Amino acid sequence: MKLISKYFNLLIITLLITSCSSDDSVSIDEQKPTISINYSEGFPQACEQLVKGETYIFKAQLTDNKALASYSLDLHNNFDHHTHDDQGEVCDLEPIKDAVNPLIYMENFNIEGGLTTYEINISITIPDDIDTGDYHCSYSVTDETGWQSRTSVDIKIVE
């Protein structure tokens, strides 16, 4: 009986040790994707003025070391002068005001095919009937393992 118990314990210990060994062929993604509007076609740049009724192509360059999964574009008012932790240059702001009919644009998009680079290219017409003033343009990107990056810039919508 002791012999069976010893072999059983030895078998359990062997299974535990082999099941916990690392597999060097599996690499863990420890890098966030990147997002940039700081290139010649990137749009909008900080402090850009967008005219109501005009159509603009919003562009940003995305990269990841493994695979991109999704991105989003968020346009929202900054009438209360809030900031974002990832925001770069801060522009001259108009006085604080209440929103009556602000532009709100929030869309999420998938990136298929395991791409490691992708250029966002979204056409948006600025409505004629929205509030003018200070806005934020925020881009976000997520890779296939869940890492996320974002960037925001101040823009203005004018008549």
Protein backbone atom coordinates (compact mmCIF):
# COMPACT_ATOMS: atom_id res chain seq x y z
CA MET A 1 0.00 0.00 0.00
CA LYS A 2 2.88 2.35 0.84
CA LEU A 3 4.46 1.58 -2.54
CA ILE A 4 1.26 2.57 -4.39
CA SER A 5 0.99 5.74 -2.30
CA LYS A 6 4.62 6.69 -3.10
CA TYR A 7 4.10 6.17 -6.85
CA PHE A 8 0.82 8.08 -6.76
CA ASN A 9 2.46 11.02 -4.96
CA LEU A 10 5.39 10.91 -7.39
CA LEU A 11 2.96 10.96 -10.32
CA ILE A 12 1.07 13.97 -8.89
CA ILE A 13 4.31 15.91 -8.28
CA THR A 14 5.53 15.15 -11.81
CA LEU A 15 2.24 16.33 -13.30
CA LEU A 16 2.33 19.54 -11.29
CA ILE A 17 5.89 20.34 -12.29
CA THR A 18 5.36 19.68 -16.00
CA SER A 19 2.06 21.53 -16.14
CA CYS A 20 3.66 24.64 -14.63
CA SER A 21 6.69 24.77 -16.90
CA SER A 22 6.88 27.76 -19.19
CA ASP A 23 6.47 27.58 -22.94
CA ASP A 24 9.07 29.84 -24.53
CA SER A 25 7.22 29.74 -27.86
CA VAL A 26 4.39 31.90 -26.44
CA SER A 27 5.35 35.56 -26.24
CA ILE A 28 3.37 38.00 -24.15
CA ASP A 29 2.43 41.30 -25.78
CA GLU A 30 3.65 44.03 -23.44
CA GLN A 31 3.48 46.95 -25.89
CA LYS A 32 0.62 49.37 -26.35
CA PRO A 33 -0.38 50.31 -29.89
CA THR A 34 0.52 53.80 -31.07
CA ILE A 35 -1.65 56.47 -32.60
CA SER A 36 -0.40 59.63 -34.28
CA ILE A 37 -1.76 62.62 -36.14
CA ASN A 38 1.72 64.16 -36.30
CA TYR A 39 2.39 63.53 -39.98
CA SER A 40 1.61 65.50 -43.15
CA GLU A 41 -1.88 64.00 -43.74
CA GLY A 42 -2.85 63.69 -40.04
CA PHE A 43 -6.05 65.61 -39.32
CA PRO A 44 -7.02 67.61 -37.44
CA GLN A 45 -3.92 69.20 -36.00
CA ALA A 46 -4.08 71.05 -32.67
CA CYS A 47 -6.02 74.34 -32.76
CA GLU A 48 -7.43 73.60 -36.24
CA GLN A 49 -10.59 75.55 -37.17
CA LEU A 50 -13.39 73.55 -38.80
CA VAL A 51 -16.11 75.45 -40.64
CA LYS A 52 -19.76 74.47 -40.23
CA GLY A 53 -21.17 72.86 -43.39
CA GLU A 54 -17.74 71.74 -44.63
CA THR A 55 -16.63 68.10 -45.01
CA TYR A 56 -13.32 66.97 -43.53
CA ILE A 57 -11.31 63.75 -43.70
CA PHE A 58 -10.17 62.76 -40.20
CA LYS A 59 -6.88 60.84 -40.43
CA ALA A 60 -4.56 59.21 -37.92
CA GLN A 61 -1.85 56.56 -38.24
CA LEU A 62 -2.12 53.43 -36.06
CA THR A 63 0.63 50.86 -35.42
CA ASP A 64 1.09 47.82 -33.19
CA ASN A 65 3.81 45.21 -32.73
CA LYS A 66 1.33 42.26 -32.97
CA ALA A 67 -2.13 43.12 -34.41
CA LEU A 68 -4.58 46.01 -34.29
CA ALA A 69 -8.19 45.26 -33.31
CA SER A 70 -10.26 48.47 -33.27
CA TYR A 71 -10.29 52.25 -33.11
CA SER A 72 -12.69 55.04 -32.30
CA LEU A 73 -13.21 58.71 -33.05
CA ASP A 74 -14.87 61.00 -30.53
CA LEU A 75 -15.74 64.65 -31.25
CA HIS A 76 -17.27 66.50 -28.31
CA ASN A 77 -17.58 70.04 -26.99
CA ASN A 78 -15.12 71.61 -24.60
CA PHE A 79 -17.37 74.43 -23.50
CA ASP A 80 -16.46 73.67 -19.84
CA HIS A 81 -12.67 73.76 -20.52
CA HIS A 82 -12.00 70.16 -19.41
CA THR A 83 -8.77 68.46 -20.47
CA HIS A 84 -7.63 64.95 -21.31
CA ASP A 85 -4.56 63.35 -19.76
CA ASP A 86 -3.16 62.54 -23.19
CA GLN A 87 -3.77 65.97 -24.66
CA GLY A 88 -0.87 67.80 -26.22
CA GLU A 89 -1.00 71.47 -27.11
CA VAL A 90 -3.71 73.57 -25.43
CA CYS A 91 -5.26 76.29 -27.58
CA ASP A 92 -6.80 79.65 -26.69
CA LEU A 93 -10.26 78.92 -25.33
CA GLU A 94 -13.43 80.97 -25.57
CA PRO A 95 -15.30 81.81 -22.35
CA ILE A 96 -17.08 78.91 -20.61
CA LYS A 97 -20.64 78.48 -21.89
CA ASP A 98 -23.56 76.07 -21.77
CA ALA A 99 -24.14 73.73 -24.68
CA VAL A 100 -27.39 74.21 -26.60
CA ASN A 101 -26.87 72.02 -29.66
CA PRO A 102 -23.29 70.70 -29.57
CA LEU A 103 -21.71 68.35 -32.08
CA ILE A 104 -21.38 64.87 -30.60
CA TYR A 105 -19.76 62.21 -32.75
CA MET A 106 -18.68 58.87 -31.24
CA GLU A 107 -18.06 55.85 -33.44
CA ASN A 108 -16.14 52.60 -32.99
CA PHE A 109 -14.64 50.64 -35.88
CA ASN A 110 -13.09 47.16 -36.17
CA ILE A 111 -9.80 46.44 -37.93
CA GLU A 112 -9.89 43.03 -39.61
CA GLY A 113 -7.04 40.83 -40.77
CA GLY A 114 -4.44 41.19 -38.02
CA LEU A 115 -2.89 44.34 -39.50
CA THR A 116 0.02 45.98 -37.70
CA THR A 117 -0.42 49.37 -39.41
CA TYR A 118 -3.60 51.15 -40.39
CA GLU A 119 -4.62 54.68 -41.35
CA ILE A 120 -7.91 56.00 -40.03
CA ASN A 121 -9.79 57.78 -42.82
CA ILE A 122 -13.24 59.07 -41.79
CA SER A 123 -15.22 61.67 -43.73
CA ILE A 124 -17.40 63.92 -41.56
CA THR A 125 -19.52 66.89 -42.55
CA ILE A 126 -19.81 69.46 -39.76
CA PRO A 127 -23.56 70.20 -39.39
CA ASP A 128 -24.77 73.76 -39.98
CA ASP A 129 -27.03 73.80 -36.92
CA ILE A 130 -24.53 73.02 -34.13
CA ASP A 131 -22.94 75.27 -31.51
CA THR A 132 -19.69 76.91 -32.54
CA GLY A 133 -16.77 77.02 -30.15
CA ASP A 134 -14.20 74.81 -28.50
CA TYR A 135 -14.21 71.05 -29.14
CA HIS A 136 -11.99 68.03 -28.63
CA CYS A 137 -11.07 65.47 -31.26
CA SER A 138 -10.10 62.22 -29.56
CA TYR A 139 -8.75 59.12 -31.28
CA SER A 140 -8.41 55.76 -29.53
CA VAL A 141 -6.87 52.45 -30.66
CA THR A 142 -6.96 48.96 -29.13
CA ASP A 143 -4.79 46.00 -30.11
CA GLU A 144 -5.86 42.34 -30.14
CA THR A 145 -4.55 41.73 -26.62
CA GLY A 146 -6.47 44.67 -25.16
CA TRP A 147 -3.79 47.34 -24.87
CA GLN A 148 -5.17 50.78 -25.64
CA SER A 149 -3.74 54.20 -26.53
CA ARG A 150 -5.39 57.51 -27.27
CA THR A 151 -4.65 61.04 -28.27
CA SER A 152 -6.72 64.23 -28.17
CA VAL A 153 -6.41 67.68 -29.67
CA ASP A 154 -8.25 70.97 -29.18
CA ILE A 155 -10.14 72.17 -32.24
CA LYS A 156 -12.64 74.94 -32.92
CA ILE A 157 -15.82 74.86 -34.92
CA VAL A 158 -16.54 78.23 -36.52
CA GLU A 159 -19.21 79.78 -38.78
